[in-house]
Amino acid sequence: DRHLKNLILAMGIVCILISIFGVWSMISLACLERRREIAVRKVHGAKVRDILSIFTKEYGAVIAISMGAAFITGYLIMHQWIQKFPRQAAISWWIYAGTFAATVIVIGLTVIHKVVKTARENPADVIKSE
């Protein structure tokens, strides 16, 4: 049992790291593709927080939809799996709350970092380079 627990823990950590790198690359690509749009918005007077709010709303919707689907699917699968055992553990709400909080923090920090970095570029340089 200990070996299985350690194996599951290691695989869980690897999956989390792969997910974080995937989110990082997805947001980096979105910022790279939208550099010109961000530069034009800045030329027209948008502040960094305005540009950040656009990305935050976009990725907030993605988080809400994906976490809703993941929570429902995860609960149904875990519930079916737990029914097979004579002693059943309750599926606590705090597991979902912690997962949601961790996901929001990771994606939020990634969005903030990449968008602020892209928004602070000189708009003239961005427009000239493209």
Protein backbone atom coordinates (compact mmCIF):
# COMPACT_ATOMS: atom_id res chain seq x y z
CA ASP A 1 0.00 0.00 0.00
CA ARG A 2 2.82 2.43 0.81
CA HIS A 3 4.47 1.81 -2.55
CA LEU A 4 1.19 2.36 -4.38
CA LYS A 5 0.60 5.55 -2.39
CA ASN A 6 4.09 6.84 -3.24
CA LEU A 7 3.62 5.94 -6.91
CA ILE A 8 0.26 7.72 -7.07
CA LEU A 9 1.74 10.76 -5.29
CA ALA A 10 4.67 10.91 -7.72
CA MET A 11 2.39 10.58 -10.73
CA GLY A 12 0.10 13.25 -9.32
CA ILE A 13 3.02 15.66 -8.93
CA VAL A 14 4.18 14.94 -12.48
CA CYS A 15 0.65 15.55 -13.82
CA ILE A 16 0.40 18.83 -11.91
CA LEU A 17 3.75 20.00 -13.28
CA ILE A 18 2.76 19.08 -16.83
CA SER A 19 -0.51 20.99 -16.37
CA ILE A 20 1.30 24.06 -15.05
CA PHE A 21 3.70 24.04 -18.00
CA GLY A 22 0.75 23.63 -20.37
CA VAL A 23 -1.06 26.61 -18.86
CA TRP A 24 2.16 28.66 -18.96
CA SER A 25 2.73 27.88 -22.63
CA MET A 26 -0.91 28.50 -23.58
CA ILE A 27 -0.92 31.93 -21.94
CA SER A 28 2.52 32.76 -23.36
CA LEU A 29 1.31 31.89 -26.84
CA ALA A 30 -1.85 33.97 -26.39
CA CYS A 31 0.22 36.98 -25.29
CA LEU A 32 2.65 36.49 -28.16
CA GLU A 33 -0.15 36.27 -30.72
CA ARG A 34 -1.93 39.29 -29.26
CA ARG A 35 1.13 41.56 -28.85
CA ARG A 36 -0.01 43.83 -31.64
CA GLU A 37 -3.54 44.06 -30.23
CA ILE A 38 -2.15 44.93 -26.80
CA ALA A 39 0.16 47.55 -28.35
CA VAL A 40 -2.72 49.16 -30.26
CA ARG A 41 -4.84 49.24 -27.12
CA LYS A 42 -1.99 50.95 -25.27
CA VAL A 43 -1.60 53.51 -28.05
CA HIS A 44 -5.32 54.28 -27.72
CA GLY A 45 -4.93 54.88 -23.99
CA ALA A 46 -5.54 51.53 -22.33
CA LYS A 47 -3.70 50.99 -19.07
CA VAL A 48 -2.04 47.76 -18.00
CA ARG A 49 -4.91 46.99 -15.63
CA ASP A 50 -7.42 47.38 -18.51
CA ILE A 51 -5.50 44.89 -20.62
CA LEU A 52 -5.12 42.61 -17.62
CA SER A 53 -8.87 42.69 -17.00
CA ILE A 54 -9.52 41.53 -20.59
CA PHE A 55 -7.30 38.48 -20.12
CA THR A 56 -8.60 37.84 -16.60
CA LYS A 57 -12.21 37.73 -17.82
CA GLU A 58 -11.25 35.45 -20.70
CA TYR A 59 -9.34 32.96 -18.58
CA GLY A 60 -11.83 33.28 -15.71
CA ALA A 61 -14.52 31.91 -18.00
CA VAL A 62 -12.21 29.09 -19.09
CA ILE A 63 -11.46 28.24 -15.45
CA ALA A 64 -15.13 28.25 -14.48
CA ILE A 65 -16.21 25.98 -17.33
CA SER A 66 -13.31 23.55 -17.05
CA MET A 67 -13.44 23.30 -13.25
CA GLY A 68 -17.20 22.77 -13.32
CA ALA A 69 -16.83 19.91 -15.79
CA ALA A 70 -13.86 18.46 -13.90
CA PHE A 71 -15.60 18.61 -10.51
CA ILE A 72 -18.76 16.93 -11.75
CA THR A 73 -16.85 14.22 -13.61
CA GLY A 74 -14.44 13.69 -10.71
CA TYR A 75 -17.23 13.42 -8.17
CA LEU A 76 -19.18 10.91 -10.24
CA ILE A 77 -16.12 8.73 -10.88
CA MET A 78 -14.97 8.88 -7.24
CA HIS A 79 -18.47 8.12 -6.00
CA GLN A 80 -18.72 5.03 -8.23
CA TRP A 81 -15.26 3.87 -7.15
CA ILE A 82 -15.92 4.36 -3.42
CA GLN A 83 -19.15 2.33 -3.64
CA LYS A 84 -17.05 -0.80 -4.25
CA PHE A 85 -15.54 -0.71 -0.75
CA PRO A 86 -17.24 -1.88 2.45
CA ARG A 87 -15.88 1.11 4.44
CA GLN A 88 -16.58 4.26 2.52
CA ALA A 89 -14.93 7.63 3.04
CA ALA A 90 -16.90 10.81 2.53
CA ILE A 91 -15.96 13.03 -0.38
CA SER A 92 -15.24 16.32 1.37
CA TRP A 93 -16.04 19.71 -0.11
CA TRP A 94 -12.67 21.11 0.96
CA ILE A 95 -10.88 18.94 -1.61
CA TYR A 96 -12.76 20.71 -4.38
CA ALA A 97 -12.32 24.13 -2.75
CA GLY A 98 -8.58 23.57 -2.38
CA THR A 99 -8.25 22.38 -5.95
CA PHE A 100 -10.21 25.38 -7.21
CA ALA A 101 -8.13 27.81 -5.13
CA ALA A 102 -4.83 26.29 -6.27
CA THR A 103 -5.92 26.39 -9.91
CA VAL A 104 -7.06 30.00 -9.68
CA ILE A 105 -3.79 31.00 -7.99
CA VAL A 106 -1.57 29.25 -10.56
CA ILE A 107 -3.50 30.52 -13.58
CA GLY A 108 -3.94 33.97 -12.04
CA LEU A 109 -0.24 34.40 -11.34
CA THR A 110 0.64 33.15 -14.80
CA VAL A 111 -1.81 35.53 -16.49
CA ILE A 112 -0.65 38.46 -14.39
CA HIS A 113 3.02 37.79 -15.07
CA LYS A 114 2.76 37.25 -18.81
CA VAL A 115 0.18 39.96 -19.54
CA VAL A 116 1.97 42.62 -17.48
CA LYS A 117 5.26 41.72 -19.17
CA THR A 118 3.65 41.97 -22.62
CA ALA A 119 1.70 45.13 -21.78
CA ARG A 120 4.80 46.94 -20.54
CA GLU A 121 6.54 46.58 -23.90
CA ASN A 122 6.96 49.74 -25.91
CA PRO A 123 4.01 49.83 -28.35
CA ALA A 124 6.10 51.49 -31.06
CA ASP A 125 8.65 48.67 -30.98
CA VAL A 126 5.91 46.03 -31.14
CA ILE A 127 4.14 47.62 -34.07
CA LYS A 128 7.43 48.18 -35.94
CA SER A 129 8.54 44.59 -35.46
CA GLU A 130 5.36 43.07 -36.87
